[in-house]
Protein backbone atom coordinates (compact mmCIF):
# COMPACT_ATOMS: atom_id res chain seq x y z
CA MET A 1 -98.41 6.19 -9.91
CA VAL A 2 -101.72 7.21 -8.31
CA LEU A 3 -104.32 9.51 -9.85
CA HIS A 4 -107.13 10.69 -7.59
CA ARG A 5 -109.89 12.85 -9.07
CA GLY A 6 -107.73 13.18 -12.17
CA ARG A 7 -104.68 14.56 -10.34
CA ILE A 8 -101.36 12.89 -9.56
CA VAL A 9 -101.25 12.35 -5.80
CA GLY A 10 -98.50 9.75 -5.68
CA GLU A 11 -95.55 8.94 -7.93
CA ARG A 12 -92.35 7.00 -7.29
CA TYR A 13 -89.65 5.54 -9.52
CA ALA A 14 -86.78 3.12 -9.04
CA PRO A 15 -83.19 4.32 -9.49
CA GLY A 16 -82.45 4.90 -13.17
CA VAL A 17 -86.10 5.31 -14.12
CA THR A 18 -87.72 8.73 -14.57
CA PRO A 19 -91.16 10.05 -15.63
CA ALA A 20 -89.78 10.11 -19.20
CA THR A 21 -88.81 6.41 -19.29
CA PRO A 22 -90.97 4.22 -21.58
CA LEU A 23 -91.87 0.98 -19.80
CA ILE A 24 -93.18 -2.26 -21.28
CA GLY A 25 -96.78 -3.05 -20.45
CA TRP A 26 -96.84 -6.63 -21.68
CA SER A 27 -100.49 -7.73 -21.74
CA MET A 28 -101.72 -4.32 -20.64
CA THR A 29 -101.28 -3.73 -24.37
CA LYS A 30 -104.40 -5.85 -24.90
CA SER A 31 -106.45 -3.21 -23.11
CA VAL A 32 -105.07 -0.59 -25.51
CA THR A 33 -106.24 -2.81 -28.36
CA ASN A 34 -109.66 -2.69 -26.69
CA ALA A 35 -109.55 1.13 -26.97
CA LEU A 36 -108.61 1.03 -30.67
CA LEU A 37 -111.55 -1.26 -31.35
CA GLY A 38 -113.81 1.08 -29.42
CA ILE A 39 -112.68 4.00 -31.57
CA LEU A 40 -113.51 2.03 -34.73
CA VAL A 41 -116.94 1.19 -33.29
CA ARG A 42 -117.56 4.87 -32.52
CA GLN A 43 -116.57 5.75 -36.07
CA GLY A 44 -119.05 3.22 -37.47
CA LYS A 45 -116.32 1.12 -39.08
CA LEU A 46 -116.68 -1.99 -36.92
CA ASP A 47 -119.53 -4.08 -35.46
CA MET A 48 -118.25 -6.25 -32.63
CA TYR A 49 -121.00 -8.83 -33.14
CA GLU A 50 -120.68 -9.35 -36.89
CA PRO A 51 -118.32 -12.10 -38.20
CA SER A 52 -114.66 -11.07 -38.24
CA ALA A 53 -113.25 -10.16 -41.65
CA ILE A 54 -110.44 -12.75 -41.72
CA ASP A 55 -109.53 -13.79 -45.28
CA GLU A 56 -108.44 -17.29 -44.24
CA TRP A 57 -111.93 -17.94 -42.85
CA ALA A 58 -113.88 -16.76 -45.91
CA ALA A 59 -115.04 -20.17 -47.18
CA LYS A 60 -118.76 -20.70 -46.60
CA ASP A 61 -118.20 -24.07 -44.91
CA ASP A 62 -115.48 -22.76 -42.56
CA ALA A 63 -116.85 -22.79 -39.00
CA ARG A 64 -114.32 -20.12 -38.02
CA ARG A 65 -116.17 -17.69 -40.28
CA ALA A 66 -118.74 -17.16 -37.49
CA ILE A 67 -116.15 -15.87 -34.98
CA THR A 68 -116.86 -12.26 -34.02
CA PRO A 69 -114.49 -9.52 -32.81
CA ASP A 70 -116.36 -9.67 -29.48
CA GLN A 71 -115.43 -13.34 -29.11
CA LEU A 72 -111.80 -12.60 -29.99
CA LEU A 73 -111.72 -9.76 -27.45
CA ARG A 74 -113.33 -11.91 -24.75
CA MET A 75 -111.06 -14.92 -25.48
CA THR A 76 -113.98 -17.14 -26.46
CA SER A 77 -113.19 -17.56 -30.16
CA GLY A 78 -112.49 -21.28 -29.79
CA ILE A 79 -109.38 -21.21 -32.00
CA GLY A 80 -106.76 -23.82 -31.08
CA CYS A 81 -103.76 -21.58 -30.90
CA GLY A 82 -102.12 -22.41 -27.61
CA GLN A 83 -102.42 -20.35 -24.44
CA SER A 84 -100.70 -17.27 -23.03
CA LEU A 85 -101.71 -17.31 -19.37
CA GLN A 86 -99.39 -19.77 -17.65
CA THR A 87 -95.67 -20.09 -18.26
CA GLY A 88 -93.34 -22.97 -17.63
CA PHE A 89 -91.15 -25.53 -19.36
CA THR A 90 -94.03 -26.98 -21.35
CA THR A 91 -94.96 -23.60 -22.83
CA LEU A 92 -91.70 -23.65 -24.78
CA PHE A 93 -93.58 -25.97 -27.14
CA ASP A 94 -96.87 -24.09 -27.09
CA ALA A 95 -98.30 -22.81 -30.40
CA ASP A 96 -98.74 -19.35 -28.92
CA THR A 97 -95.05 -19.23 -27.99
CA GLN A 98 -94.14 -20.38 -31.51
CA MET A 99 -96.20 -17.54 -32.95
CA GLU A 100 -94.65 -14.88 -30.70
CA PHE A 101 -91.02 -15.83 -31.21
CA ASP A 102 -90.78 -17.63 -34.56
CA MET A 103 -93.35 -16.15 -36.95
CA ALA A 104 -92.71 -13.15 -39.18
CA ASP A 105 -96.47 -12.90 -39.92
CA GLN A 106 -98.14 -13.58 -36.61
CA SER A 107 -101.71 -12.97 -37.72
CA ALA A 108 -101.37 -15.42 -40.62
CA PHE A 109 -100.20 -18.07 -38.15
CA ALA A 110 -103.16 -17.35 -35.85
CA ALA A 111 -105.64 -17.26 -38.74
CA ASN A 112 -104.54 -20.73 -39.87
CA ALA A 113 -105.15 -22.32 -36.47
CA SER A 114 -108.03 -24.79 -36.41
CA LEU A 115 -110.93 -24.67 -33.97
CA ARG A 116 -110.60 -26.48 -30.65
CA ALA A 117 -114.09 -25.48 -29.45
CA LYS A 118 -117.29 -24.03 -30.85
CA PRO A 119 -117.01 -20.22 -30.94
CA GLY A 120 -118.50 -18.79 -27.76
CA ASP A 121 -118.33 -22.02 -25.74
CA GLU A 122 -114.86 -21.96 -24.17
CA TRP A 123 -112.73 -19.27 -22.53
CA ARG A 124 -109.06 -19.67 -23.39
CA TYR A 125 -106.52 -16.86 -22.99
CA THR A 126 -104.29 -16.72 -26.06
CA ASN A 127 -102.38 -13.93 -27.77
CA CYS A 128 -103.61 -15.30 -31.10
CA ASN A 129 -106.98 -13.65 -30.51
CA PHE A 130 -105.40 -10.23 -30.16
CA VAL A 131 -103.05 -10.65 -33.10
CA LEU A 132 -106.17 -11.21 -35.23
CA LEU A 133 -107.85 -8.16 -33.71
CA SER A 134 -104.70 -6.19 -34.52
CA ARG A 135 -104.94 -7.24 -38.15
CA ILE A 136 -108.58 -6.11 -38.21
CA ILE A 137 -107.49 -2.72 -36.84
CA LYS A 138 -104.77 -2.43 -39.48
CA ASN A 139 -107.16 -3.31 -42.29
CA LEU A 140 -109.83 -0.83 -41.15
CA ALA A 141 -107.21 1.89 -40.65
CA GLY A 142 -106.04 1.68 -44.25
CA GLY A 143 -104.51 -1.74 -44.77
CA ASP A 144 -100.81 -1.13 -44.22
CA ALA A 145 -98.41 -0.44 -41.36
CA LYS A 146 -98.03 3.25 -42.17
CA SER A 147 -101.79 3.85 -42.16
CA ALA A 148 -102.19 1.84 -38.95
CA ARG A 149 -99.46 3.82 -37.22
CA LYS A 150 -101.02 7.13 -38.23
CA PHE A 151 -104.44 5.95 -37.08
CA ILE A 152 -103.17 4.82 -33.67
CA GLU A 153 -101.20 8.00 -33.09
CA ARG A 154 -103.94 10.35 -34.35
CA GLU A 155 -106.92 8.67 -32.72
CA LEU A 156 -105.46 7.48 -29.39
CA PHE A 157 -101.91 8.51 -28.54
CA GLU A 158 -102.18 12.20 -29.42
CA PRO A 159 -105.56 12.83 -27.73
CA LEU A 160 -104.28 11.18 -24.54
CA GLY A 161 -100.97 13.06 -24.59
CA PHE A 162 -98.82 9.96 -24.85
CA GLY A 163 -95.17 10.94 -25.19
CA HIS A 164 -92.71 8.71 -27.04
CA ALA A 165 -94.94 5.64 -26.80
CA THR A 166 -93.83 2.79 -29.05
CA LEU A 167 -96.06 0.00 -30.32
CA GLU A 168 -94.10 -2.71 -32.10
CA TYR A 169 -95.11 -4.31 -35.43
CA ASP A 170 -94.40 -7.69 -36.97
CA SER A 171 -92.73 -8.17 -40.35
CA ALA A 172 -96.12 -8.21 -42.11
CA GLY A 173 -96.87 -4.70 -40.83
CA VAL A 174 -99.47 -5.75 -38.24
CA PRO A 175 -99.36 -3.81 -34.96
CA LEU A 176 -98.65 -6.20 -32.12
CA GLY A 177 -101.57 -5.28 -29.89
CA THR A 178 -100.83 -8.21 -27.62
CA ILE A 179 -97.81 -7.52 -25.40
CA HIS A 180 -95.65 -4.99 -27.22
CA LEU A 181 -96.50 -1.41 -26.14
CA TRP A 182 -93.88 0.72 -24.41
CA ALA A 183 -95.12 3.88 -22.66
CA ARG A 184 -94.35 6.12 -19.70
CA ALA A 185 -96.00 5.49 -16.34
CA ARG A 186 -97.92 8.75 -16.77
CA ASP A 187 -99.15 7.51 -20.16
CA TRP A 188 -100.46 4.30 -18.64
CA ALA A 189 -102.16 6.40 -15.97
CA ARG A 190 -103.76 8.65 -18.60
CA PHE A 191 -104.99 5.51 -20.32
CA GLY A 192 -106.63 4.35 -17.08
CA LEU A 193 -108.13 7.81 -16.64
CA LEU A 194 -109.78 7.52 -20.07
CA TYR A 195 -111.70 4.48 -18.78
CA LEU A 196 -112.40 6.12 -15.43
CA ARG A 197 -114.03 8.98 -17.38
CA ASP A 198 -116.20 6.69 -19.54
CA GLY A 199 -114.03 7.09 -22.65
CA VAL A 200 -113.77 10.89 -22.54
CA THR A 201 -110.39 12.68 -22.50
CA GLU A 202 -109.38 15.30 -19.96
CA ASP A 203 -110.30 18.06 -22.43
CA GLY A 204 -113.78 16.62 -22.99
CA HIS A 205 -113.28 14.79 -26.28
CA ARG A 206 -115.11 11.45 -26.50
CA LEU A 207 -112.80 8.72 -27.82
CA LEU A 208 -114.83 5.65 -26.93
CA PRO A 209 -118.54 5.20 -27.60
CA GLU A 210 -121.00 5.60 -24.75
CA GLY A 211 -121.32 2.32 -22.88
CA TRP A 212 -117.98 0.96 -24.12
CA VAL A 213 -116.33 1.07 -20.68
CA ASP A 214 -119.16 -0.90 -19.08
CA TYR A 215 -119.02 -3.35 -21.99
CA SER A 216 -115.26 -3.74 -21.44
CA ALA A 217 -115.64 -4.37 -17.70
CA LYS A 218 -118.60 -6.74 -18.04
CA LEU A 219 -117.73 -10.28 -16.99
CA THR A 220 -117.31 -12.85 -19.74
CA PRO A 221 -119.43 -15.70 -18.31
CA GLN A 222 -117.18 -18.43 -19.70
CA SER A 223 -114.34 -17.11 -17.50
CA ALA A 224 -116.37 -16.94 -14.29
CA ASP A 225 -115.33 -20.31 -12.84
CA GLN A 226 -111.80 -19.05 -12.35
CA TYR A 227 -110.43 -15.86 -13.79
CA GLY A 228 -112.94 -13.03 -14.02
CA TYR A 229 -112.18 -11.63 -17.48
CA GLY A 230 -114.12 -8.93 -19.29
CA ALA A 231 -113.36 -7.70 -22.80
CA GLY A 232 -109.65 -6.97 -22.78
CA PHE A 233 -109.67 -6.19 -19.03
CA TRP A 234 -109.79 -8.26 -15.86
CA THR A 235 -112.85 -7.39 -13.82
CA GLN A 236 -114.35 -7.55 -10.35
CA ARG A 237 -117.83 -7.07 -11.80
CA GLY A 238 -120.06 -10.10 -12.08
CA ASN A 239 -119.55 -13.15 -9.91
CA SER A 240 -116.32 -14.93 -10.77
CA ALA A 241 -114.15 -16.96 -8.42
CA ALA A 242 -111.12 -14.70 -8.96
CA ALA A 243 -113.16 -11.53 -8.49
CA ARG A 244 -114.50 -12.79 -5.17
CA THR A 245 -110.92 -13.40 -4.05
CA ARG A 246 -109.74 -9.98 -5.22
CA ILE A 247 -112.70 -8.25 -3.60
CA ALA A 248 -111.99 -10.02 -0.32
CA ALA A 249 -108.40 -8.74 -0.59
CA GLY A 250 -109.50 -5.12 -1.02
CA TYR A 251 -110.51 -4.46 -4.63
CA PRO A 252 -113.85 -2.61 -4.84
CA THR A 253 -116.62 -4.44 -6.65
CA ASP A 254 -116.78 -1.91 -9.49
CA SER A 255 -113.03 -1.99 -10.24
CA PHE A 256 -111.34 -3.47 -13.30
CA LEU A 257 -107.77 -3.56 -14.52
CA ALA A 258 -105.33 -3.92 -17.33
CA ALA A 259 -102.65 -6.41 -16.31
CA GLY A 260 -99.42 -7.67 -17.81
CA SER A 261 -96.87 -10.37 -17.11
CA GLN A 262 -94.34 -9.88 -14.33
CA GLY A 263 -96.42 -7.36 -12.40
CA GLN A 264 -97.75 -4.63 -14.70
CA TYR A 265 -101.04 -3.08 -13.55
CA ALA A 266 -103.34 -0.20 -14.43
CA ILE A 267 -106.26 -0.39 -12.00
CA VAL A 268 -109.43 1.65 -12.51
CA ILE A 269 -111.64 2.23 -9.44
CA PRO A 270 -114.66 4.40 -10.32
CA SER A 271 -116.19 4.35 -6.82
CA HIS A 272 -113.11 6.12 -5.43
CA ASP A 273 -112.22 8.17 -8.56
CA LEU A 274 -108.86 6.38 -8.62
CA VAL A 275 -106.34 5.06 -11.10
CA ILE A 276 -103.40 3.08 -9.71
CA VAL A 277 -100.48 2.09 -11.96
CA LYS A 278 -97.70 -0.28 -10.96
CA LEU A 279 -94.93 -1.18 -13.42
CA GLY A 280 -91.60 -3.00 -13.31
CA TRP A 281 -90.40 -6.55 -12.74
CA ALA A 282 -92.29 -8.46 -10.06
CA TYR A 283 -90.28 -9.17 -6.94
CA THR A 284 -92.80 -11.55 -5.35
CA GLU A 285 -94.69 -14.56 -6.70
CA ASP A 286 -97.62 -14.40 -9.14
CA GLY A 287 -96.88 -10.95 -10.52
CA ASP A 288 -96.83 -9.19 -7.14
CA HIS A 289 -100.59 -9.63 -6.84
CA VAL A 290 -100.51 -9.75 -3.01
CA ALA A 291 -98.40 -6.58 -2.86
CA VAL A 292 -100.72 -4.87 -5.34
CA GLU A 293 -103.78 -5.87 -3.29
CA ARG A 294 -102.13 -4.16 -0.34
CA LEU A 295 -101.36 -1.12 -2.50
CA VAL A 296 -105.04 -0.89 -3.47
CA ARG A 297 -106.23 -1.18 0.13
CA GLU A 298 -103.78 1.36 1.49
CA THR A 299 -104.31 3.83 -1.35
CA ILE A 300 -108.09 3.75 -0.85
CA ALA A 301 -107.59 4.25 2.89
CA ALA A 302 -105.26 7.21 2.26
CA VAL A 303 -107.57 9.07 -0.11
CA THR A 304 -110.69 8.52 2.00
CA GLU A 305 -109.26 9.65 5.33
């Protein structure tokens, strides 16, 4: 799916898949969690730099009490809750995997993890951070699953025109803003368009506060040595090792992206007024990243001819 200047200029589906088919985004869901946090900030209900309201961290001598939503969003919280970036035989025994597949109350599991590093010092990609952010969203939306669902639909899905999108919840009623959103390709493209338009919908309604998109795409310095992570998005902005590689392969320097396991991408390219979405199971190594780099290069060439 390709949007150029807000219009669909390219769209193709595999056999058996149509524009009405909801597709799993995996960790692109984390970028949707970013949007929900932005809405709460715009509404004055959340300060990203104040300590997170996590009941398990309430004791005055608990070092986790200082962790902020910004640090959770940027994966620098320091909590020792496994990792979600690499997969392999050893990850079968990872705490993050245990949380995802064996815990009825995922946020309680994450909240009871001890610190492995001082908050703000270490970048470590773990779903536990986003499960805790999801609990914060639920609590600020009303405190229960029904209120959270209404908030998400009213404040994000309906304004963007999402059709039949499904965000899963755990048994404790916490929305799983980690890897569990199903949506149509056109929905994922509309989501990318929201960030291309600085948080304003197609009909001119501001969902995200001014400056939120730049905040989201700003490099998290602790990730610069390798990955190039922002705040819920991967980014080419700043000077990270991964961004330099992606830029050399064709990504513009101002671009950033939501990305999910097995080759899910929603790429935002402001300098070319482009959103590129690629979904489906990867058919090449490393989540089809080489094929997607080619897609970015050739799409930019096509729209600038």
